[in-house]
Amino acid sequence: TVVIAPEQETVIREYVKSKPIASIDLPGVELNIGTTVPETVELHKIEAPDVDYSYTVVGGRTYVVEPATRKIVHALD
């Protein structure tokens, strides 16, 4: 289980807000914490200190993804 500290979440939120990407749709795919993001989905690295995650936006929701496993570790509303 990955725990993202509140200060880390703030850094991630600010980064994602400053680097918006287009939302994509994945019909028939339900994404939750722990779900592996399909290989067809492009991940965008979060370029911030002490943050080793990527993100993607699906259905208008931002998901924080562990790049090595492509597993969703956090969702931002």
C-alpha atoms as a PDB file:
ATOM      1  CA  THR A   1       0.000   0.000   0.000  1.00  0.00           C
ATOM      2  CA  VAL A   2       1.339   3.395  -0.991  1.00  0.00           C
ATOM      3  CA  VAL A   3       0.708   6.295   1.346  1.00  0.00           C
ATOM      4  CA  ILE A   4       1.059   9.763  -0.111  1.00  0.00           C
ATOM      5  CA  ALA A   5       1.754  12.299   2.623  1.00  0.00           C
ATOM      6  CA  PRO A   6      -0.433  15.442   2.668  1.00  0.00           C
ATOM      7  CA  GLU A   7       2.492  17.692   1.721  1.00  0.00           C
ATOM      8  CA  GLN A   8       3.360  15.334  -1.162  1.00  0.00           C
ATOM      9  CA  GLU A   9      -0.268  15.433  -2.324  1.00  0.00           C
ATOM     10  CA  THR A  10      -0.126  19.245  -2.304  1.00  0.00           C
ATOM     11  CA  VAL A  11       2.993  19.191  -4.501  1.00  0.00           C
ATOM     12  CA  ILE A  12       1.339  16.684  -6.865  1.00  0.00           C
ATOM     13  CA  ARG A  13      -1.883  18.738  -7.048  1.00  0.00           C
ATOM     14  CA  GLU A  14       0.023  21.932  -7.824  1.00  0.00           C
ATOM     15  CA  TYR A  15       2.142  20.200 -10.487  1.00  0.00           C
ATOM     16  CA  VAL A  16      -0.863  18.593 -12.180  1.00  0.00           C
ATOM     17  CA  LYS A  17      -2.732  21.915 -12.127  1.00  0.00           C
ATOM     18  CA  SER A  18       0.256  23.691 -13.709  1.00  0.00           C
ATOM     19  CA  LYS A  19       0.669  21.017 -16.434  1.00  0.00           C
ATOM     20  CA  PRO A  20      -2.852  20.110 -17.552  1.00  0.00           C
ATOM     21  CA  ILE A  21      -3.263  17.242 -19.973  1.00  0.00           C
ATOM     22  CA  ALA A  22      -6.283  16.194 -22.008  1.00  0.00           C
ATOM     23  CA  SER A  23      -8.696  13.783 -20.377  1.00  0.00           C
ATOM     24  CA  ILE A  24      -9.183  10.500 -22.193  1.00  0.00           C
ATOM     25  CA  ASP A  25     -12.038   8.015 -22.060  1.00  0.00           C
ATOM     26  CA  LEU A  26     -11.624   4.287 -21.497  1.00  0.00           C
ATOM     27  CA  PRO A  27     -15.053   2.786 -22.183  1.00  0.00           C
ATOM     28  CA  GLY A  28     -15.629  -0.383 -20.189  1.00  0.00           C
ATOM     29  CA  VAL A  29     -12.552   0.122 -17.977  1.00  0.00           C
ATOM     30  CA  GLU A  30     -13.091   0.939 -14.316  1.00  0.00           C
ATOM     31  CA  LEU A  31     -10.133   2.596 -12.603  1.00  0.00           C
ATOM     32  CA  ASN A  32      -9.590   2.471  -8.842  1.00  0.00           C
ATOM     33  CA  ILE A  33      -6.678   2.559  -6.416  1.00  0.00           C
ATOM     34  CA  GLY A  34      -4.596  -0.548  -7.173  1.00  0.00           C
ATOM     35  CA  THR A  35      -5.869  -0.900 -10.752  1.00  0.00           C
ATOM     36  CA  THR A  36      -3.209  -1.318 -13.436  1.00  0.00           C
ATOM     37  CA  VAL A  37      -3.494   1.350 -16.116  1.00  0.00           C
ATOM     38  CA  PRO A  38      -3.592  -0.178 -19.635  1.00  0.00           C
ATOM     39  CA  GLU A  39      -0.381   0.082 -21.708  1.00  0.00           C
ATOM     40  CA  THR A  40      -2.289   2.132 -24.281  1.00  0.00           C
ATOM     41  CA  VAL A  41      -2.625   5.021 -21.791  1.00  0.00           C
ATOM     42  CA  GLU A  42       0.165   7.598 -21.895  1.00  0.00           C
ATOM     43  CA  LEU A  43       1.603   8.436 -18.471  1.00  0.00           C
ATOM     44  CA  HIS A  44       3.084  11.868 -17.724  1.00  0.00           C
ATOM     45  CA  LYS A  45       5.952  12.074 -15.241  1.00  0.00           C
ATOM     46  CA  ILE A  46       5.489  14.372 -12.255  1.00  0.00           C
ATOM     47  CA  GLU A  47       8.656  16.466 -12.257  1.00  0.00           C
ATOM     48  CA  ALA A  48       8.783  17.432  -8.580  1.00  0.00           C
ATOM     49  CA  PRO A  49      11.237  16.806  -5.727  1.00  0.00           C
ATOM     50  CA  ASP A  50      10.599  13.601  -3.755  1.00  0.00           C
ATOM     51  CA  VAL A  51       7.812  12.521  -6.116  1.00  0.00           C
ATOM     52  CA  ASP A  52       8.445   9.372  -8.165  1.00  0.00           C
ATOM     53  CA  TYR A  53       5.052   9.107  -9.809  1.00  0.00           C
ATOM     54  CA  SER A  54       3.358   9.789 -13.100  1.00  0.00           C
ATOM     55  CA  TYR A  55      -0.210  10.846 -13.794  1.00  0.00           C
ATOM     56  CA  THR A  56      -2.964  10.553 -16.321  1.00  0.00           C
ATOM     57  CA  VAL A  57      -6.468  11.965 -16.620  1.00  0.00           C
ATOM     58  CA  VAL A  58      -9.280   9.556 -17.451  1.00  0.00           C
ATOM     59  CA  GLY A  59     -12.922  10.573 -17.538  1.00  0.00           C
ATOM     60  CA  GLY A  60     -12.050  13.955 -16.054  1.00  0.00           C
ATOM     61  CA  ARG A  61     -10.384  12.445 -12.976  1.00  0.00           C
ATOM     62  CA  THR A  62      -6.638  12.648 -12.317  1.00  0.00           C
ATOM     63  CA  TYR A  63      -4.899   9.416 -11.317  1.00  0.00           C
ATOM     64  CA  VAL A  64      -1.442   9.218  -9.753  1.00  0.00           C
ATOM     65  CA  VAL A  65       0.363   6.145 -11.086  1.00  0.00           C
ATOM     66  CA  GLU A  66       3.486   4.243 -10.038  1.00  0.00           C
ATOM     67  CA  PRO A  67       5.393   4.160 -13.352  1.00  0.00           C
ATOM     68  CA  ALA A  68       7.199   0.834 -12.792  1.00  0.00           C
ATOM     69  CA  THR A  69       4.004  -1.157 -12.165  1.00  0.00           C
ATOM     70  CA  ARG A  70       1.465   1.195 -13.857  1.00  0.00           C
ATOM     71  CA  LYS A  71      -0.715   0.777 -10.742  1.00  0.00           C
ATOM     72  CA  ILE A  72      -2.911   3.635  -9.555  1.00  0.00           C
ATOM     73  CA  VAL A  73      -1.737   4.764  -6.121  1.00  0.00           C
ATOM     74  CA  HIS A  74      -3.931   7.839  -5.651  1.00  0.00           C
ATOM     75  CA  ALA A  75      -6.847   9.660  -7.260  1.00  0.00           C
ATOM     76  CA  LEU A  76      -7.335  13.423  -7.216  1.00  0.00           C
ATOM     77  CA  ASP A  77     -10.814  14.881  -7.374  1.00  0.00           C
END
